[in-house]
C-alpha atoms as a PDB file:
ATOM      1  CA  MET A   1       0.000   0.000   0.000  1.00  0.00           C
ATOM      2  CA  PRO A   2       1.461   3.391  -0.943  1.00  0.00           C
ATOM      3  CA  THR A   3       2.232   5.934   1.738  1.00  0.00           C
ATOM      4  CA  TYR A   4       2.366   9.699   1.554  1.00  0.00           C
ATOM      5  CA  SER A   5       4.437  12.404   3.189  1.00  0.00           C
ATOM      6  CA  ILE A   6       2.582  15.098   5.089  1.00  0.00           C
ATOM      7  CA  ALA A   7       2.961  17.422   2.086  1.00  0.00           C
ATOM      8  CA  GLN A   8       1.496  14.787  -0.233  1.00  0.00           C
ATOM      9  CA  ALA A   9      -1.297  14.002   2.238  1.00  0.00           C
ATOM     10  CA  ALA A  10      -2.061  17.705   2.527  1.00  0.00           C
ATOM     11  CA  GLU A  11      -2.251  18.025  -1.246  1.00  0.00           C
ATOM     12  CA  ARG A  12      -4.444  14.946  -1.620  1.00  0.00           C
ATOM     13  CA  SER A  13      -6.787  16.006   1.196  1.00  0.00           C
ATOM     14  CA  GLY A  14      -6.937  19.701   0.373  1.00  0.00           C
ATOM     15  CA  LEU A  15      -5.897  20.535   3.927  1.00  0.00           C
ATOM     16  CA  SER A  16      -2.771  22.215   5.168  1.00  0.00           C
ATOM     17  CA  ALA A  17       0.026  20.272   6.821  1.00  0.00           C
ATOM     18  CA  ASP A  18      -0.732  22.285   9.963  1.00  0.00           C
ATOM     19  CA  THR A  19      -4.327  21.035   9.938  1.00  0.00           C
ATOM     20  CA  LEU A  20      -3.172  17.435   9.560  1.00  0.00           C
ATOM     21  CA  ARG A  21      -0.803  17.913  12.492  1.00  0.00           C
ATOM     22  CA  TYR A  22      -3.633  19.476  14.503  1.00  0.00           C
ATOM     23  CA  TYR A  23      -5.926  16.510  13.791  1.00  0.00           C
ATOM     24  CA  GLU A  24      -3.232  14.166  15.033  1.00  0.00           C
ATOM     25  CA  ARG A  25      -2.295  16.263  18.069  1.00  0.00           C
ATOM     26  CA  ASP A  26      -5.937  16.760  19.090  1.00  0.00           C
ATOM     27  CA  GLY A  27      -6.727  13.038  19.066  1.00  0.00           C
ATOM     28  CA  LEU A  28      -8.903  13.066  15.973  1.00  0.00           C
ATOM     29  CA  MET A  29      -6.995  10.462  13.967  1.00  0.00           C
ATOM     30  CA  LEU A  30      -7.833   6.784  14.333  1.00  0.00           C
ATOM     31  CA  ARG A  31      -4.263   5.918  15.173  1.00  0.00           C
ATOM     32  CA  PRO A  32      -0.961   7.688  15.539  1.00  0.00           C
ATOM     33  CA  VAL A  33       0.278   8.364  12.031  1.00  0.00           C
ATOM     34  CA  PRO A  34       3.210   6.027  11.359  1.00  0.00           C
ATOM     35  CA  ARG A  35       6.613   7.547  10.826  1.00  0.00           C
ATOM     36  CA  ALA A  36       9.421   6.675   8.473  1.00  0.00           C
ATOM     37  CA  SER A  37      12.867   5.924   9.884  1.00  0.00           C
ATOM     38  CA  SER A  38      13.600   9.615   9.295  1.00  0.00           C
ATOM     39  CA  GLY A  39      10.795  10.513  11.708  1.00  0.00           C
ATOM     40  CA  HIS A  40       8.583  11.980   9.000  1.00  0.00           C
ATOM     41  CA  ARG A  41       4.892  11.113   9.016  1.00  0.00           C
ATOM     42  CA  ARG A  42       3.706   8.557   6.458  1.00  0.00           C
ATOM     43  CA  TYR A  43      -0.029   8.562   5.722  1.00  0.00           C
ATOM     44  CA  ASP A  44      -1.756   5.689   3.946  1.00  0.00           C
ATOM     45  CA  GLU A  45      -5.078   5.457   2.119  1.00  0.00           C
ATOM     46  CA  GLN A  46      -6.938   4.522   5.316  1.00  0.00           C
ATOM     47  CA  ASP A  47      -5.589   7.670   7.003  1.00  0.00           C
ATOM     48  CA  LEU A  48      -6.665   9.794   4.039  1.00  0.00           C
ATOM     49  CA  ARG A  49     -10.171   8.263   4.001  1.00  0.00           C
ATOM     50  CA  TRP A  50     -10.476   9.089   7.697  1.00  0.00           C
ATOM     51  CA  VAL A  51      -9.234  12.650   7.097  1.00  0.00           C
ATOM     52  CA  LEU A  52     -11.887  13.015   4.382  1.00  0.00           C
ATOM     53  CA  LEU A  53     -14.583  11.967   6.861  1.00  0.00           C
ATOM     54  CA  LEU A  54     -13.225  14.398   9.473  1.00  0.00           C
ATOM     55  CA  THR A  55     -13.260  17.158   6.880  1.00  0.00           C
ATOM     56  CA  ARG A  56     -16.861  16.410   5.976  1.00  0.00           C
ATOM     57  CA  LEU A  57     -17.984  16.297   9.593  1.00  0.00           C
ATOM     58  CA  ARG A  58     -16.290  19.628  10.280  1.00  0.00           C
ATOM     59  CA  ALA A  59     -17.606  21.169   7.045  1.00  0.00           C
ATOM     60  CA  THR A  60     -21.141  20.326   8.164  1.00  0.00           C
ATOM     61  CA  GLY A  61     -20.542  22.076  11.462  1.00  0.00           C
ATOM     62  CA  MET A  62     -19.918  19.161  13.800  1.00  0.00           C
ATOM     63  CA  PRO A  63     -18.147  20.558  16.861  1.00  0.00           C
ATOM     64  CA  ILE A  64     -14.607  19.307  17.502  1.00  0.00           C
ATOM     65  CA  ARG A  65     -15.726  17.738  20.808  1.00  0.00           C
ATOM     66  CA  ASP A  66     -18.254  15.583  18.904  1.00  0.00           C
ATOM     67  CA  VAL A  67     -15.720  14.698  16.205  1.00  0.00           C
ATOM     68  CA  ARG A  68     -13.298  13.703  18.968  1.00  0.00           C
ATOM     69  CA  ARG A  69     -16.012  11.622  20.668  1.00  0.00           C
ATOM     70  CA  TYR A  70     -16.789   9.878  17.381  1.00  0.00           C
ATOM     71  CA  ALA A  71     -13.082   9.159  16.812  1.00  0.00           C
ATOM     72  CA  ASP A  72     -12.806   7.806  20.372  1.00  0.00           C
ATOM     73  CA  LEU A  73     -15.742   5.484  19.744  1.00  0.00           C
ATOM     74  CA  VAL A  74     -14.331   4.212  16.455  1.00  0.00           C
ATOM     75  CA  ARG A  75     -10.926   3.639  18.054  1.00  0.00           C
ATOM     76  CA  ALA A  76     -12.585   1.695  20.885  1.00  0.00           C
ATOM     77  CA  GLY A  77     -13.778  -0.858  18.346  1.00  0.00           C
ATOM     78  CA  ALA A  78     -16.917  -2.935  18.161  1.00  0.00           C
ATOM     79  CA  GLY A  79     -19.617  -2.740  20.780  1.00  0.00           C
ATOM     80  CA  ASN A  80     -20.433   0.970  20.694  1.00  0.00           C
ATOM     81  CA  GLU A  81     -22.123   1.187  17.314  1.00  0.00           C
ATOM     82  CA  ALA A  82     -25.403   2.356  18.893  1.00  0.00           C
ATOM     83  CA  GLU A  83     -23.613   5.328  20.427  1.00  0.00           C
ATOM     84  CA  ARG A  84     -21.912   6.138  17.119  1.00  0.00           C
ATOM     85  CA  LEU A  85     -25.273   5.924  15.374  1.00  0.00           C
ATOM     86  CA  THR A  86     -26.896   8.239  17.927  1.00  0.00           C
ATOM     87  CA  LEU A  87     -24.109  10.784  17.562  1.00  0.00           C
ATOM     88  CA  LEU A  88     -24.328  10.775  13.759  1.00  0.00           C
ATOM     89  CA  GLN A  89     -28.133  10.881  13.753  1.00  0.00           C
ATOM     90  CA  ALA A  90     -28.114  13.900  16.070  1.00  0.00           C
ATOM     91  CA  HIS A  91     -25.638  15.666  13.810  1.00  0.00           C
ATOM     92  CA  ARG A  92     -27.740  14.757  10.766  1.00  0.00           C
ATOM     93  CA  GLN A  93     -30.727  16.508  12.350  1.00  0.00           C
ATOM     94  CA  VAL A  94     -28.634  19.662  12.859  1.00  0.00           C
ATOM     95  CA  VAL A  95     -27.467  19.544   9.237  1.00  0.00           C
ATOM     96  CA  LEU A  96     -31.036  19.042   7.978  1.00  0.00           C
ATOM     97  CA  ALA A  97     -32.198  22.069   9.979  1.00  0.00           C
ATOM     98  CA  GLN A  98     -29.355  24.157   8.537  1.00  0.00           C
ATOM     99  CA  LEU A  99     -30.198  22.932   5.051  1.00  0.00           C
ATOM    100  CA  ALA A 100     -33.864  23.911   5.500  1.00  0.00           C
ATOM    101  CA  GLU A 101     -32.837  27.369   6.682  1.00  0.00           C
ATOM    102  CA  VAL A 102     -30.463  27.880   3.749  1.00  0.00           C
ATOM    103  CA  THR A 103     -33.136  26.611   1.349  1.00  0.00           C
ATOM    104  CA  ASP A 104     -35.560  29.171   2.779  1.00  0.00           C
ATOM    105  CA  HIS A 105     -32.991  31.954   2.332  1.00  0.00           C
ATOM    106  CA  LEU A 106     -32.339  30.785  -1.223  1.00  0.00           C
ATOM    107  CA  GLY A 107     -36.060  31.021  -1.937  1.00  0.00           C
ATOM    108  CA  ALA A 108     -36.048  34.654  -0.800  1.00  0.00           C
ATOM    109  CA  ILE A 109     -33.067  35.393  -3.044  1.00  0.00           C
ATOM    110  CA  ASP A 110     -34.756  33.664  -5.990  1.00  0.00           C
ATOM    111  CA  GLN A 111     -37.879  35.749  -5.410  1.00  0.00           C
ATOM    112  CA  LYS A 112     -35.831  38.950  -5.432  1.00  0.00           C
ATOM    113  CA  ILE A 113     -34.016  37.834  -8.610  1.00  0.00           C
ATOM    114  CA  GLY A 114     -37.400  37.259 -10.233  1.00  0.00           C
ATOM    115  CA  ILE A 115     -38.474  40.815  -9.405  1.00  0.00           C
ATOM    116  CA  TYR A 116     -35.325  42.277 -10.961  1.00  0.00           C
ATOM    117  CA  GLU A 117     -35.561  40.020 -14.003  1.00  0.00           C
ATOM    118  CA  ASP A 118     -39.099  41.286 -14.568  1.00  0.00           C
ATOM    119  CA  VAL A 119     -37.845  44.877 -14.423  1.00  0.00           C
ATOM    120  CA  VAL A 120     -34.853  44.225 -16.670  1.00  0.00           C
ATOM    121  CA  LEU A 121     -36.975  42.338 -19.203  1.00  0.00           C
ATOM    122  CA  GLY A 122     -39.458  45.209 -19.267  1.00  0.00           C
ATOM    123  CA  ALA A 123     -42.352  43.706 -17.370  1.00  0.00           C
ATOM    124  CA  GLY A 124     -42.726  47.119 -15.752  1.00  0.00           C
ATOM    125  CA  LEU A 125     -42.935  46.097 -12.097  1.00  0.00           C
ATOM    126  CA  ASP A 126     -42.574  49.157  -9.893  1.00  0.00           C
ATOM    127  CA  LEU A 127     -39.574  48.406  -7.670  1.00  0.00           C
ATOM    128  CA  GLU A 128     -40.480  51.315  -5.420  1.00  0.00           C
ATOM    129  CA  ARG A 129     -43.613  49.484  -4.383  1.00  0.00           C
ATOM    130  CA  ALA A 130     -42.060  46.007  -4.254  1.00  0.00           C
ATOM    131  CA  PRO A 131     -41.523  44.837  -0.681  1.00  0.00           C
ATOM    132  CA  GLY A 132     -37.908  44.766   0.417  1.00  0.00           C
ATOM    133  CA  SER A 133     -36.466  46.339  -2.713  1.00  0.00           C
END
């Protein structure tokens, strides 16, 4: 299985080397990242898949404490799947609520775009009387 230096892992993951170090230092990785005889970190595909999951959890707003808890549960091995499921389901509900809110905001923007398109295309809508112009 190929391994990657921290620079290569950073490039492949789209994260900075500092972020990868932070994930390791803060106990978010599944295992300590192996090191070459030179002492340099060597990431493998499993590490990069885990980093991708961490990135997605963080991008959806999961707090670091919950990411750390999830990592702790995964590291602990079998027997805590119900707790992992509960944690992920709770986060899913938060993400769905955020998605609904953003969708609502997008609808308002689309409505405003429609008003301006009508004006630009000559429909003659009076923007002065349009709510929230």
